[in-house]
Amino acid sequence: MYEVKLPELGDGIETATVACWHVQENDPVQPEDDIVELVTDKASFQVQAGQAGIIKKIRVNEQQEATIGEVLAVIETP
């Protein structure tokens, strides 16, 4: 299993809001796939899967806030 976590964003930003998931649970992904769009008060950005596999669990729903290092999704790896 691979955990997709909210990365460091810089500029003292500690949280981001999930704007939109580009995948659903049980979808296959590749490492370079953008899987979620996050927004802060300064910008929006995409988070990539980071590993090939299947999205097993989305842990933070759309419009919910996440903190740096929090697990956004879990990918089952081959």
PDB file of N, CA and C in Angstrom:
ATOM      1  N   MET A   1       0.844  -1.184   0.000  1.00  0.00           N
ATOM      2  CA  MET A   1       0.000   0.000   0.000  1.00  0.00           C
ATOM      3  C   MET A   1       0.890   1.249   0.000  1.00  0.00           C
ATOM      4  N   TYR A   2       0.430   2.256  -0.700  1.00  0.00           N
ATOM      5  CA  TYR A   2       1.144   3.530  -0.783  1.00  0.00           C
ATOM      6  C   TYR A   2       0.184   4.633  -0.362  1.00  0.00           C
ATOM      7  N   GLU A   3       0.632   5.506   0.525  1.00  0.00           N
ATOM      8  CA  GLU A   3      -0.199   6.602   1.004  1.00  0.00           C
ATOM      9  C   GLU A   3       0.151   7.886   0.262  1.00  0.00           C
ATOM     10  N   VAL A   4      -0.848   8.503  -0.351  1.00  0.00           N
ATOM     11  CA  VAL A   4      -0.675   9.805  -0.990  1.00  0.00           C
ATOM     12  C   VAL A   4      -0.962  10.847   0.084  1.00  0.00           C
ATOM     13  N   LYS A   5       0.068  11.632   0.431  1.00  0.00           N
ATOM     14  CA  LYS A   5      -0.070  12.604   1.515  1.00  0.00           C
ATOM     15  C   LYS A   5      -0.042  14.029   0.979  1.00  0.00           C
ATOM     16  N   LEU A   6      -0.635  14.933   1.738  1.00  0.00           N
ATOM     17  CA  LEU A   6      -0.572  16.348   1.393  1.00  0.00           C
ATOM     18  C   LEU A   6       0.872  16.804   1.562  1.00  0.00           C
ATOM     19  N   PRO A   7       1.503  17.253   0.463  1.00  0.00           N
ATOM     20  CA  PRO A   7       2.914  17.637   0.533  1.00  0.00           C
ATOM     21  C   PRO A   7       3.114  19.001   1.194  1.00  0.00           C
ATOM     22  N   GLU A   8       4.374  19.290   1.532  1.00  0.00           N
ATOM     23  CA  GLU A   8       4.745  20.625   2.012  1.00  0.00           C
ATOM     24  C   GLU A   8       4.424  21.627   0.919  1.00  0.00           C
ATOM     25  N   LEU A   9       3.836  22.743   1.285  1.00  0.00           N
ATOM     26  CA  LEU A   9       3.413  23.740   0.306  1.00  0.00           C
ATOM     27  C   LEU A   9       4.229  25.022   0.370  1.00  0.00           C
ATOM     28  N   GLY A  10       5.030  25.198   1.410  1.00  0.00           N
ATOM     29  CA  GLY A  10       5.839  26.402   1.547  1.00  0.00           C
ATOM     30  C   GLY A  10       5.030  27.592   2.017  1.00  0.00           C
ATOM     31  N   ASP A  11       5.695  28.730   2.161  1.00  0.00           N
ATOM     32  CA  ASP A  11       5.067  30.001   2.544  1.00  0.00           C
ATOM     33  C   ASP A  11       4.253  29.908   3.832  1.00  0.00           C
ATOM     34  N   GLY A  12       4.616  28.982   4.716  1.00  0.00           N
ATOM     35  CA  GLY A  12       3.905  28.868   5.984  1.00  0.00           C
ATOM     36  C   GLY A  12       2.517  28.266   5.887  1.00  0.00           C
ATOM     37  N   ILE A  13       2.170  27.720   4.723  1.00  0.00           N
ATOM     38  CA  ILE A  13       0.847  27.112   4.536  1.00  0.00           C
ATOM     39  C   ILE A  13       0.815  25.762   5.245  1.00  0.00           C
ATOM     40  N   GLU A  14      -0.204  25.556   6.065  1.00  0.00           N
ATOM     41  CA  GLU A  14      -0.310  24.317   6.832  1.00  0.00           C
ATOM     42  C   GLU A  14      -1.505  23.465   6.438  1.00  0.00           C
ATOM     43  N   THR A  15      -2.467  24.040   5.695  1.00  0.00           N
ATOM     44  CA  THR A  15      -3.654  23.291   5.291  1.00  0.00           C
ATOM     45  C   THR A  15      -4.021  23.615   3.848  1.00  0.00           C
ATOM     46  N   ALA A  16      -4.797  22.728   3.254  1.00  0.00           N
ATOM     47  CA  ALA A  16      -5.353  22.940   1.916  1.00  0.00           C
ATOM     48  C   ALA A  16      -6.711  22.255   1.871  1.00  0.00           C
ATOM     49  N   THR A  17      -7.559  22.728   0.977  1.00  0.00           N
ATOM     50  CA  THR A  17      -8.895  22.158   0.809  1.00  0.00           C
ATOM     51  C   THR A  17      -8.941  21.345  -0.472  1.00  0.00           C
ATOM     52  N   VAL A  18      -9.541  20.156  -0.392  1.00  0.00           N
ATOM     53  CA  VAL A  18      -9.718  19.327  -1.584  1.00  0.00           C
ATOM     54  C   VAL A  18     -10.810  19.966  -2.440  1.00  0.00           C
ATOM     55  N   ALA A  19     -10.427  20.420  -3.626  1.00  0.00           N
ATOM     56  CA  ALA A  19     -11.391  21.047  -4.541  1.00  0.00           C
ATOM     57  C   ALA A  19     -12.090  19.996  -5.388  1.00  0.00           C
ATOM     58  N   CYS A  20     -11.301  19.039  -5.908  1.00  0.00           N
ATOM     59  CA  CYS A  20     -11.870  18.072  -6.848  1.00  0.00           C
ATOM     60  C   CYS A  20     -10.987  16.837  -6.953  1.00  0.00           C
ATOM     61  N   TRP A  21     -11.590  15.674  -6.812  1.00  0.00           N
ATOM     62  CA  TRP A  21     -10.893  14.416  -7.093  1.00  0.00           C
ATOM     63  C   TRP A  21     -11.040  14.103  -8.576  1.00  0.00           C
ATOM     64  N   HIS A  22      -9.943  13.706  -9.220  1.00  0.00           N
ATOM     65  CA  HIS A  22      -9.968  13.312 -10.629  1.00  0.00           C
ATOM     66  C   HIS A  22     -10.112  11.799 -10.779  1.00  0.00           C
ATOM     67  N   VAL A  23     -10.142  11.092  -9.652  1.00  0.00           N
ATOM     68  CA  VAL A  23     -10.274   9.633  -9.637  1.00  0.00           C
ATOM     69  C   VAL A  23     -11.339   9.244  -8.617  1.00  0.00           C
ATOM     70  N   GLN A  24     -11.755   7.983  -8.703  1.00  0.00           N
ATOM     71  CA  GLN A  24     -12.668   7.407  -7.721  1.00  0.00           C
ATOM     72  C   GLN A  24     -12.013   6.151  -7.163  1.00  0.00           C
ATOM     73  N   GLU A  25     -12.543   5.652  -6.061  1.00  0.00           N
ATOM     74  CA  GLU A  25     -12.030   4.401  -5.509  1.00  0.00           C
ATOM     75  C   GLU A  25     -12.157   3.303  -6.554  1.00  0.00           C
ATOM     76  N   ASN A  26     -11.143   2.448  -6.608  1.00  0.00           N
ATOM     77  CA  ASN A  26     -11.003   1.319  -7.534  1.00  0.00           C
ATOM     78  C   ASN A  26     -10.541   1.726  -8.934  1.00  0.00           C
ATOM     79  N   ASP A  27     -10.230   3.012  -9.152  1.00  0.00           N
ATOM     80  CA  ASP A  27      -9.660   3.443 -10.433  1.00  0.00           C
ATOM     81  C   ASP A  27      -8.173   3.099 -10.483  1.00  0.00           C
ATOM     82  N   PRO A  28      -7.677   2.649 -11.650  1.00  0.00           N
ATOM     83  CA  PRO A  28      -6.236   2.446 -11.812  1.00  0.00           C
ATOM     84  C   PRO A  28      -5.541   3.790 -12.031  1.00  0.00           C
ATOM     85  N   VAL A  29      -4.307   3.915 -11.522  1.00  0.00           N
ATOM     86  CA  VAL A  29      -3.528   5.142 -11.705  1.00  0.00           C
ATOM     87  C   VAL A  29      -2.079   4.808 -12.028  1.00  0.00           C
ATOM     88  N   GLN A  30      -1.420   5.763 -12.675  1.00  0.00           N
ATOM     89  CA  GLN A  30       0.012   5.711 -12.937  1.00  0.00           C
ATOM     90  C   GLN A  30       0.679   6.791 -12.081  1.00  0.00           C
ATOM     91  N   PRO A  31       1.992   6.671 -11.824  1.00  0.00           N
ATOM     92  CA  PRO A  31       2.664   7.615 -10.922  1.00  0.00           C
ATOM     93  C   PRO A  31       2.491   9.086 -11.290  1.00  0.00           C
ATOM     94  N   GLU A  32       2.475   9.395 -12.591  1.00  0.00           N
ATOM     95  CA  GLU A  32       2.413  10.794 -13.030  1.00  0.00           C
ATOM     96  C   GLU A  32       0.985  11.332 -13.150  1.00  0.00           C
ATOM     97  N   ASP A  33      -0.014  10.508 -12.875  1.00  0.00           N
ATOM     98  CA  ASP A  33      -1.413  10.947 -12.989  1.00  0.00           C
ATOM     99  C   ASP A  33      -1.759  11.969 -11.905  1.00  0.00           C
ATOM    100  N   ASP A  34      -2.366  13.091 -12.320  1.00  0.00           N
ATOM    101  CA  ASP A  34      -2.924  14.046 -11.365  1.00  0.00           C
ATOM    102  C   ASP A  34      -4.201  13.429 -10.808  1.00  0.00           C
ATOM    103  N   ILE A  35      -4.252  13.234  -9.481  1.00  0.00           N
ATOM    104  CA  ILE A  35      -5.422  12.561  -8.913  1.00  0.00           C
ATOM    105  C   ILE A  35      -6.337  13.488  -8.123  1.00  0.00           C
ATOM    106  N   VAL A  36      -5.800  14.631  -7.667  1.00  0.00           N
ATOM    107  CA  VAL A  36      -6.626  15.528  -6.854  1.00  0.00           C
ATOM    108  C   VAL A  36      -6.151  16.970  -7.015  1.00  0.00           C
ATOM    109  N   GLU A  37      -7.119  17.882  -7.025  1.00  0.00           N
ATOM    110  CA  GLU A  37      -6.815  19.313  -7.049  1.00  0.00           C
ATOM    111  C   GLU A  37      -7.058  19.880  -5.661  1.00  0.00           C
ATOM    112  N   LEU A  38      -6.070  20.599  -5.151  1.00  0.00           N
ATOM    113  CA  LEU A  38      -6.156  21.212  -3.834  1.00  0.00           C
ATOM    114  C   LEU A  38      -6.076  22.722  -3.974  1.00  0.00           C
ATOM    115  N   VAL A  39      -6.708  23.436  -3.060  1.00  0.00           N
ATOM    116  CA  VAL A  39      -6.638  24.898  -3.069  1.00  0.00           C
ATOM    117  C   VAL A  39      -6.265  25.415  -1.682  1.00  0.00           C
ATOM    118  N   THR A  40      -5.512  26.518  -1.695  1.00  0.00           N
ATOM    119  CA  THR A  40      -5.198  27.253  -0.472  1.00  0.00           C
ATOM    120  C   THR A  40      -5.663  28.683  -0.700  1.00  0.00           C
ATOM    121  N   ASP A  41      -5.428  29.538   0.267  1.00  0.00           N
ATOM    122  CA  ASP A  41      -5.808  30.936   0.072  1.00  0.00           C
ATOM    123  C   ASP A  41      -4.886  31.639  -0.918  1.00  0.00           C
ATOM    124  N   LYS A  42      -3.784  30.975  -1.321  1.00  0.00           N
ATOM    125  CA  LYS A  42      -2.819  31.591  -2.233  1.00  0.00           C
ATOM    126  C   LYS A  42      -2.803  30.986  -3.631  1.00  0.00           C
ATOM    127  N   ALA A  43      -3.170  29.719  -3.771  1.00  0.00           N
ATOM    128  CA  ALA A  43      -3.054  29.059  -5.078  1.00  0.00           C
ATOM    129  C   ALA A  43      -3.825  27.749  -5.088  1.00  0.00           C
ATOM    130  N   SER A  44      -3.914  27.176  -6.300  1.00  0.00           N
ATOM    131  CA  SER A  44      -4.442  25.818  -6.436  1.00  0.00           C
ATOM    132  C   SER A  44      -3.354  24.980  -7.087  1.00  0.00           C
ATOM    133  N   PHE A  45      -3.359  23.692  -6.823  1.00  0.00           N
ATOM    134  CA  PHE A  45      -2.344  22.817  -7.393  1.00  0.00           C
ATOM    135  C   PHE A  45      -2.849  21.387  -7.444  1.00  0.00           C
ATOM    136  N   GLN A  46      -2.158  20.578  -8.252  1.00  0.00           N
ATOM    137  CA  GLN A  46      -2.498  19.170  -8.440  1.00  0.00           C
ATOM    138  C   GLN A  46      -1.529  18.299  -7.641  1.00  0.00           C
ATOM    139  N   VAL A  47      -2.015  17.175  -7.170  1.00  0.00           N
ATOM    140  CA  VAL A  47      -1.169  16.174  -6.527  1.00  0.00           C
ATOM    141  C   VAL A  47      -1.200  14.933  -7.402  1.00  0.00           C
ATOM    142  N   GLN A  48      -0.012  14.402  -7.697  1.00  0.00           N
ATOM    143  CA  GLN A  48       0.093  13.196  -8.519  1.00  0.00           C
ATOM    144  C   GLN A  48       0.009  11.945  -7.650  1.00  0.00           C
ATOM    145  N   ALA A  49      -0.308  10.827  -8.311  1.00  0.00           N
ATOM    146  CA  ALA A  49      -0.444   9.553  -7.598  1.00  0.00           C
ATOM    147  C   ALA A  49       0.871   9.146  -6.933  1.00  0.00           C
ATOM    148  N   GLY A  50       1.981   9.264  -7.657  1.00  0.00           N
ATOM    149  CA  GLY A  50       3.275   8.909  -7.082  1.00  0.00           C
ATOM    150  C   GLY A  50       3.640   7.441  -7.217  1.00  0.00           C
ATOM    151  N   GLN A  51       2.662   6.575  -7.407  1.00  0.00           N
ATOM    152  CA  GLN A  51       2.871   5.131  -7.577  1.00  0.00           C
ATOM    153  C   GLN A  51       1.800   4.593  -8.512  1.00  0.00           C
ATOM    154  N   ALA A  52       2.132   3.533  -9.225  1.00  0.00           N
ATOM    155  CA  ALA A  52       1.132   2.839 -10.038  1.00  0.00           C
ATOM    156  C   ALA A  52       0.332   1.915  -9.127  1.00  0.00           C
ATOM    157  N   GLY A  53      -0.944   1.788  -9.431  1.00  0.00           N
ATOM    158  CA  GLY A  53      -1.777   0.885  -8.650  1.00  0.00           C
ATOM    159  C   GLY A  53      -3.246   1.219  -8.790  1.00  0.00           C
ATOM    160  N   ILE A  54      -4.011   0.833  -7.776  1.00  0.00           N
ATOM    161  CA  ILE A  54      -5.461   1.034  -7.745  1.00  0.00           C
ATOM    162  C   ILE A  54      -5.799   1.905  -6.532  1.00  0.00           C
ATOM    163  N   ILE A  55      -6.617   2.937  -6.753  1.00  0.00           N
ATOM    164  CA  ILE A  55      -7.070   3.772  -5.632  1.00  0.00           C
ATOM    165  C   ILE A  55      -7.977   2.914  -4.749  1.00  0.00           C
ATOM    166  N   LYS A  56      -7.526   2.632  -3.542  1.00  0.00           N
ATOM    167  CA  LYS A  56      -8.302   1.784  -2.644  1.00  0.00           C
ATOM    168  C   LYS A  56      -9.189   2.590  -1.705  1.00  0.00           C
ATOM    169  N   LYS A  57      -8.701   3.746  -1.267  1.00  0.00           N
ATOM    170  CA  LYS A  57      -9.484   4.534  -0.304  1.00  0.00           C
ATOM    171  C   LYS A  57      -9.165   6.012  -0.478  1.00  0.00           C
ATOM    172  N   ILE A  58     -10.205   6.814  -0.616  1.00  0.00           N
ATOM    173  CA  ILE A  58     -10.066   8.267  -0.587  1.00  0.00           C
ATOM    174  C   ILE A  58     -10.401   8.690   0.836  1.00  0.00           C
ATOM    175  N   ARG A  59      -9.442   9.322   1.505  1.00  0.00           N
ATOM    176  CA  ARG A  59      -9.592   9.626   2.929  1.00  0.00           C
ATOM    177  C   ARG A  59     -10.115  11.030   3.219  1.00  0.00           C
ATOM    178  N   VAL A  60      -9.946  11.958   2.261  1.00  0.00           N
ATOM    179  CA  VAL A  60     -10.407  13.335   2.465  1.00  0.00           C
ATOM    180  C   VAL A  60     -11.374  13.668   1.337  1.00  0.00           C
ATOM    181  N   ASN A  61     -12.602  13.957   1.682  1.00  0.00           N
ATOM    182  CA  ASN A  61     -13.632  14.238   0.680  1.00  0.00           C
ATOM    183  C   ASN A  61     -13.493  15.640   0.100  1.00  0.00           C
ATOM    184  N   GLU A  62     -14.147  15.864  -1.041  1.00  0.00           N
ATOM    185  CA  GLU A  62     -14.158  17.191  -1.646  1.00  0.00           C
ATOM    186  C   GLU A  62     -14.738  18.202  -0.666  1.00  0.00           C
ATOM    187  N   GLN A  63     -14.141  19.391  -0.676  1.00  0.00           N
ATOM    188  CA  GLN A  63     -14.508  20.522   0.192  1.00  0.00           C
ATOM    189  C   GLN A  63     -14.075  20.339   1.644  1.00  0.00           C
ATOM    190  N   GLN A  64     -13.350  19.250   1.947  1.00  0.00           N
ATOM    191  CA  GLN A  64     -12.796  19.079   3.288  1.00  0.00           C
ATOM    192  C   GLN A  64     -11.359  19.590   3.306  1.00  0.00           C
ATOM    193  N   GLU A  65     -10.937  20.032   4.486  1.00  0.00           N
ATOM    194  CA  GLU A  65      -9.589  20.554   4.662  1.00  0.00           C
ATOM    195  C   GLU A  65      -8.664  19.440   5.140  1.00  0.00           C
ATOM    196  N   ALA A  66      -7.416  19.490   4.667  1.00  0.00           N
ATOM    197  CA  ALA A  66      -6.393  18.536   5.085  1.00  0.00           C
ATOM    198  C   ALA A  66      -5.173  19.312   5.565  1.00  0.00           C
ATOM    199  N   THR A  67      -4.405  18.698   6.459  1.00  0.00           N
ATOM    200  CA  THR A  67      -3.184  19.324   6.958  1.00  0.00           C
ATOM    201  C   THR A  67      -1.967  18.678   6.305  1.00  0.00           C
ATOM    202  N   ILE A  68      -0.842  19.397   6.315  1.00  0.00           N
ATOM    203  CA  ILE A  68       0.394  18.899   5.726  1.00  0.00           C
ATOM    204  C   ILE A  68       0.715  17.525   6.318  1.00  0.00           C
ATOM    205  N   GLY A  69       1.012  16.557   5.453  1.00  0.00           N
ATOM    206  CA  GLY A  69       1.354  15.208   5.888  1.00  0.00           C
ATOM    207  C   GLY A  69       0.159  14.284   6.055  1.00  0.00           C
ATOM    208  N   GLU A  70      -1.045  14.827   6.008  1.00  0.00           N
ATOM    209  CA  GLU A  70      -2.243  13.991   6.148  1.00  0.00           C
ATOM    210  C   GLU A  70      -2.419  13.107   4.917  1.00  0.00           C
ATOM    211  N   VAL A  71      -2.880  11.874   5.134  1.00  0.00           N
ATOM    212  CA  VAL A  71      -3.114  10.939   4.036  1.00  0.00           C
ATOM    213  C   VAL A  71      -4.384  11.346   3.294  1.00  0.00           C
ATOM    214  N   LEU A  72      -4.230  11.607   1.985  1.00  0.00           N
ATOM    215  CA  LEU A  72      -5.366  11.980   1.146  1.00  0.00           C
ATOM    216  C   LEU A  72      -6.037  10.749   0.550  1.00  0.00           C
ATOM    217  N   ALA A  73      -5.205   9.767   0.149  1.00  0.00           N
ATOM    218  CA  ALA A  73      -5.719   8.548  -0.482  1.00  0.00           C
ATOM    219  C   ALA A  73      -4.722   7.418  -0.275  1.00  0.00           C
ATOM    220  N   VAL A  74      -5.219   6.196  -0.417  1.00  0.00           N
ATOM    221  CA  VAL A  74      -4.379   5.006  -0.313  1.00  0.00           C
ATOM    222  C   VAL A  74      -4.433   4.271  -1.646  1.00  0.00           C
ATOM    223  N   ILE A  75      -3.240   3.929  -2.164  1.00  0.00           N
ATOM    224  CA  ILE A  75      -3.125   3.200  -3.427  1.00  0.00           C
ATOM    225  C   ILE A  75      -2.614   1.798  -3.135  1.00  0.00           C
ATOM    226  N   GLU A  76      -3.324   0.794  -3.665  1.00  0.00           N
ATOM    227  CA  GLU A  76      -2.848  -0.587  -3.586  1.00  0.00           C
ATOM    228  C   GLU A  76      -1.871  -0.779  -4.731  1.00  0.00           C
ATOM    229  N   THR A  77      -0.637  -1.115  -4.404  1.00  0.00           N
ATOM    230  CA  THR A  77       0.404  -1.266  -5.418  1.00  0.00           C
ATOM    231  C   THR A  77       0.548  -2.727  -5.816  1.00  0.00           C
ATOM    232  N   PRO A  78       1.004  -2.956  -7.059  1.00  0.00           N
ATOM    233  CA  PRO A  78       1.142  -4.349  -7.524  1.00  0.00           C
ATOM    234  C   PRO A  78       2.229  -5.107  -6.788  1.00  0.00           C
TER     235      PRO A  78
END
